[in-house]
């Protein structure tokens, strides 16, 4: 991945999919929560890559927000508990800083306040 983190699959190999065609397979936990051989396909790998890069960007943003009290995060959102005088624009600006390993990406963050 651009961050240097590895995206790995357990024991990947070419196999046969449920329709009799060729498929990349790997070992993992299936729908029954048992270890089994899973099949995949190109778009699924692209989805995994996009989600992994998104996670890396969020992790980078959370480090930029180290002075704030992060009480939760979900996908691409960070939940911060702070005093009313904290500046939402400052938080959004910090979250919009691109990491060095992907400096050409255009990031923008929005937020809202609640009491």
C-alpha atoms as a PDB file:
ATOM      1  CA  UNK A   1       0.000   0.000   0.000  1.00  0.00           C
ATOM      2  CA  UNK A   2       1.208   3.592  -0.451  1.00  0.00           C
ATOM      3  CA  UNK A   3       1.687   3.868   3.332  1.00  0.00           C
ATOM      4  CA  UNK A   4       4.120   0.952   3.314  1.00  0.00           C
ATOM      5  CA  UNK A   5       1.679  -1.323   5.134  1.00  0.00           C
ATOM      6  CA  UNK A   6       1.159  -4.769   3.596  1.00  0.00           C
ATOM      7  CA  UNK A   7      -2.181  -6.173   2.470  1.00  0.00           C
ATOM      8  CA  UNK A   8      -1.955  -9.948   2.753  1.00  0.00           C
ATOM      9  CA  UNK A   9      -4.098 -13.005   2.075  1.00  0.00           C
ATOM     10  CA  UNK A  10      -3.476 -16.400   3.694  1.00  0.00           C
ATOM     11  CA  UNK A  11      -2.242 -19.092   1.280  1.00  0.00           C
ATOM     12  CA  UNK A  12      -3.530 -17.542  -1.971  1.00  0.00           C
ATOM     13  CA  UNK A  13      -3.726 -19.732  -5.061  1.00  0.00           C
ATOM     14  CA  UNK A  14      -5.689 -20.141  -8.256  1.00  0.00           C
ATOM     15  CA  UNK A  15      -8.722 -22.349  -7.827  1.00  0.00           C
ATOM     16  CA  UNK A  16     -12.157 -22.996  -9.188  1.00  0.00           C
ATOM     17  CA  UNK A  17     -15.070 -20.746  -8.260  1.00  0.00           C
ATOM     18  CA  UNK A  18     -18.655 -21.812  -7.612  1.00  0.00           C
ATOM     19  CA  UNK A  19     -19.458 -21.465 -11.322  1.00  0.00           C
ATOM     20  CA  UNK A  20     -16.583 -23.664 -12.501  1.00  0.00           C
ATOM     21  CA  UNK A  21     -14.374 -20.796 -13.665  1.00  0.00           C
ATOM     22  CA  UNK A  22     -10.924 -19.784 -12.481  1.00  0.00           C
ATOM     23  CA  UNK A  23     -10.731 -17.765  -9.307  1.00  0.00           C
ATOM     24  CA  UNK A  24      -8.165 -16.539  -6.829  1.00  0.00           C
ATOM     25  CA  UNK A  25      -8.777 -18.320  -3.535  1.00  0.00           C
ATOM     26  CA  UNK A  26      -7.308 -17.847  -0.076  1.00  0.00           C
ATOM     27  CA  UNK A  27      -7.925 -19.091   3.448  1.00  0.00           C
ATOM     28  CA  UNK A  28     -10.066 -17.127   5.878  1.00  0.00           C
ATOM     29  CA  UNK A  29     -13.186 -17.212   8.012  1.00  0.00           C
ATOM     30  CA  UNK A  30     -16.376 -17.821   6.068  1.00  0.00           C
ATOM     31  CA  UNK A  31     -19.970 -16.859   6.798  1.00  0.00           C
ATOM     32  CA  UNK A  32     -20.281 -19.667   9.377  1.00  0.00           C
ATOM     33  CA  UNK A  33     -17.209 -18.250  11.191  1.00  0.00           C
ATOM     34  CA  UNK A  34     -15.185 -21.370  10.349  1.00  0.00           C
ATOM     35  CA  UNK A  35     -11.765 -21.393   8.707  1.00  0.00           C
ATOM     36  CA  UNK A  36     -12.184 -22.293   5.037  1.00  0.00           C
ATOM     37  CA  UNK A  37     -10.969 -21.545   1.538  1.00  0.00           C
ATOM     38  CA  UNK A  38     -12.626 -18.416   0.162  1.00  0.00           C
ATOM     39  CA  UNK A  39     -12.889 -17.343  -3.448  1.00  0.00           C
ATOM     40  CA  UNK A  40     -12.448 -13.802  -4.642  1.00  0.00           C
ATOM     41  CA  UNK A  41     -12.303 -11.732  -7.817  1.00  0.00           C
ATOM     42  CA  UNK A  42     -10.723  -8.530  -9.125  1.00  0.00           C
ATOM     43  CA  UNK A  43     -13.259  -5.955  -7.913  1.00  0.00           C
ATOM     44  CA  UNK A  44     -13.132  -7.430  -4.400  1.00  0.00           C
ATOM     45  CA  UNK A  45      -9.355  -6.953  -4.283  1.00  0.00           C
ATOM     46  CA  UNK A  46      -9.791  -3.340  -5.464  1.00  0.00           C
ATOM     47  CA  UNK A  47     -12.346  -2.810  -2.679  1.00  0.00           C
ATOM     48  CA  UNK A  48      -9.877  -4.238  -0.132  1.00  0.00           C
ATOM     49  CA  UNK A  49      -7.145  -1.883  -1.385  1.00  0.00           C
ATOM     50  CA  UNK A  50      -9.409   1.195  -1.259  1.00  0.00           C
ATOM     51  CA  UNK A  51     -10.616   0.345   2.253  1.00  0.00           C
ATOM     52  CA  UNK A  52      -7.056  -0.270   3.459  1.00  0.00           C
ATOM     53  CA  UNK A  53      -5.800   3.048   2.050  1.00  0.00           C
ATOM     54  CA  UNK A  54      -8.790   4.823   3.615  1.00  0.00           C
ATOM     55  CA  UNK A  55      -7.953   3.261   6.971  1.00  0.00           C
ATOM     56  CA  UNK A  56      -4.335   4.377   6.674  1.00  0.00           C
ATOM     57  CA  UNK A  57      -5.421   7.958   5.899  1.00  0.00           C
ATOM     58  CA  UNK A  58      -7.780   7.934   8.901  1.00  0.00           C
ATOM     59  CA  UNK A  59      -4.992   6.623  11.160  1.00  0.00           C
ATOM     60  CA  UNK A  60      -2.712   9.411   9.900  1.00  0.00           C
ATOM     61  CA  UNK A  61      -5.441  12.002  10.547  1.00  0.00           C
ATOM     62  CA  UNK A  62      -5.968  10.693  14.060  1.00  0.00           C
ATOM     63  CA  UNK A  63      -2.274  11.237  14.780  1.00  0.00           C
ATOM     64  CA  UNK A  64      -2.655  14.834  13.554  1.00  0.00           C
ATOM     65  CA  UNK A  65      -5.475  15.212  16.104  1.00  0.00           C
ATOM     66  CA  UNK A  66      -3.378  13.991  19.049  1.00  0.00           C
ATOM     67  CA  UNK A  67      -4.143  17.114  21.106  1.00  0.00           C
ATOM     68  CA  UNK A  68      -7.868  16.312  20.994  1.00  0.00           C
ATOM     69  CA  UNK A  69      -9.760  13.652  22.951  1.00  0.00           C
ATOM     70  CA  UNK A  70     -10.869  11.111  20.341  1.00  0.00           C
ATOM     71  CA  UNK A  71     -13.608   8.982  21.887  1.00  0.00           C
ATOM     72  CA  UNK A  72     -14.461   6.946  18.804  1.00  0.00           C
ATOM     73  CA  UNK A  73     -14.029   6.468  15.087  1.00  0.00           C
ATOM     74  CA  UNK A  74     -16.044   4.695  12.416  1.00  0.00           C
ATOM     75  CA  UNK A  75     -14.848   4.200   8.829  1.00  0.00           C
ATOM     76  CA  UNK A  76     -13.952   7.778   7.815  1.00  0.00           C
ATOM     77  CA  UNK A  77     -15.291   9.619  10.866  1.00  0.00           C
ATOM     78  CA  UNK A  78     -13.685  10.682  14.125  1.00  0.00           C
ATOM     79  CA  UNK A  79     -15.708  11.495  17.236  1.00  0.00           C
ATOM     80  CA  UNK A  80     -14.046  14.085  19.464  1.00  0.00           C
ATOM     81  CA  UNK A  81     -15.191  15.169  22.911  1.00  0.00           C
ATOM     82  CA  UNK A  82     -14.077  18.711  23.643  1.00  0.00           C
ATOM     83  CA  UNK A  83     -15.063  22.041  25.155  1.00  0.00           C
ATOM     84  CA  UNK A  84     -17.400  24.335  23.228  1.00  0.00           C
ATOM     85  CA  UNK A  85     -14.554  26.790  22.586  1.00  0.00           C
ATOM     86  CA  UNK A  86     -12.628  24.288  20.439  1.00  0.00           C
ATOM     87  CA  UNK A  87     -12.504  25.316  16.789  1.00  0.00           C
ATOM     88  CA  UNK A  88     -14.213  22.897  14.405  1.00  0.00           C
ATOM     89  CA  UNK A  89     -12.369  24.499  11.480  1.00  0.00           C
ATOM     90  CA  UNK A  90      -9.015  23.671  13.111  1.00  0.00           C
ATOM     91  CA  UNK A  91     -10.064  20.035  13.452  1.00  0.00           C
ATOM     92  CA  UNK A  92     -11.268  19.917   9.829  1.00  0.00           C
ATOM     93  CA  UNK A  93      -8.028  21.523   8.627  1.00  0.00           C
ATOM     94  CA  UNK A  94      -5.908  18.989  10.525  1.00  0.00           C
ATOM     95  CA  UNK A  95      -7.939  16.097   9.087  1.00  0.00           C
ATOM     96  CA  UNK A  96      -7.438  17.511   5.582  1.00  0.00           C
ATOM     97  CA  UNK A  97      -3.637  17.298   5.748  1.00  0.00           C
ATOM     98  CA  UNK A  98      -2.409  14.657   3.313  1.00  0.00           C
ATOM     99  CA  UNK A  99       0.165  12.128   4.519  1.00  0.00           C
ATOM    100  CA  UNK A 100       3.685  12.322   3.051  1.00  0.00           C
ATOM    101  CA  UNK A 101       3.234   8.940   1.360  1.00  0.00           C
ATOM    102  CA  UNK A 102       0.240  10.294  -0.604  1.00  0.00           C
ATOM    103  CA  UNK A 103       0.919  14.026  -0.726  1.00  0.00           C
ATOM    104  CA  UNK A 104      -0.916  14.608  -4.021  1.00  0.00           C
ATOM    105  CA  UNK A 105      -4.316  13.444  -2.726  1.00  0.00           C
ATOM    106  CA  UNK A 106      -6.934  16.154  -2.246  1.00  0.00           C
ATOM    107  CA  UNK A 107      -8.463  15.689   1.204  1.00  0.00           C
ATOM    108  CA  UNK A 108     -11.223  17.773   2.752  1.00  0.00           C
ATOM    109  CA  UNK A 109     -12.979  17.262   6.046  1.00  0.00           C
ATOM    110  CA  UNK A 110     -16.316  18.511   7.328  1.00  0.00           C
ATOM    111  CA  UNK A 111     -17.735  18.281  10.784  1.00  0.00           C
ATOM    112  CA  UNK A 112     -20.593  19.229  13.012  1.00  0.00           C
ATOM    113  CA  UNK A 113     -21.108  20.065  16.649  1.00  0.00           C
ATOM    114  CA  UNK A 114     -23.644  18.743  19.092  1.00  0.00           C
ATOM    115  CA  UNK A 115     -24.187  19.146  22.793  1.00  0.00           C
END
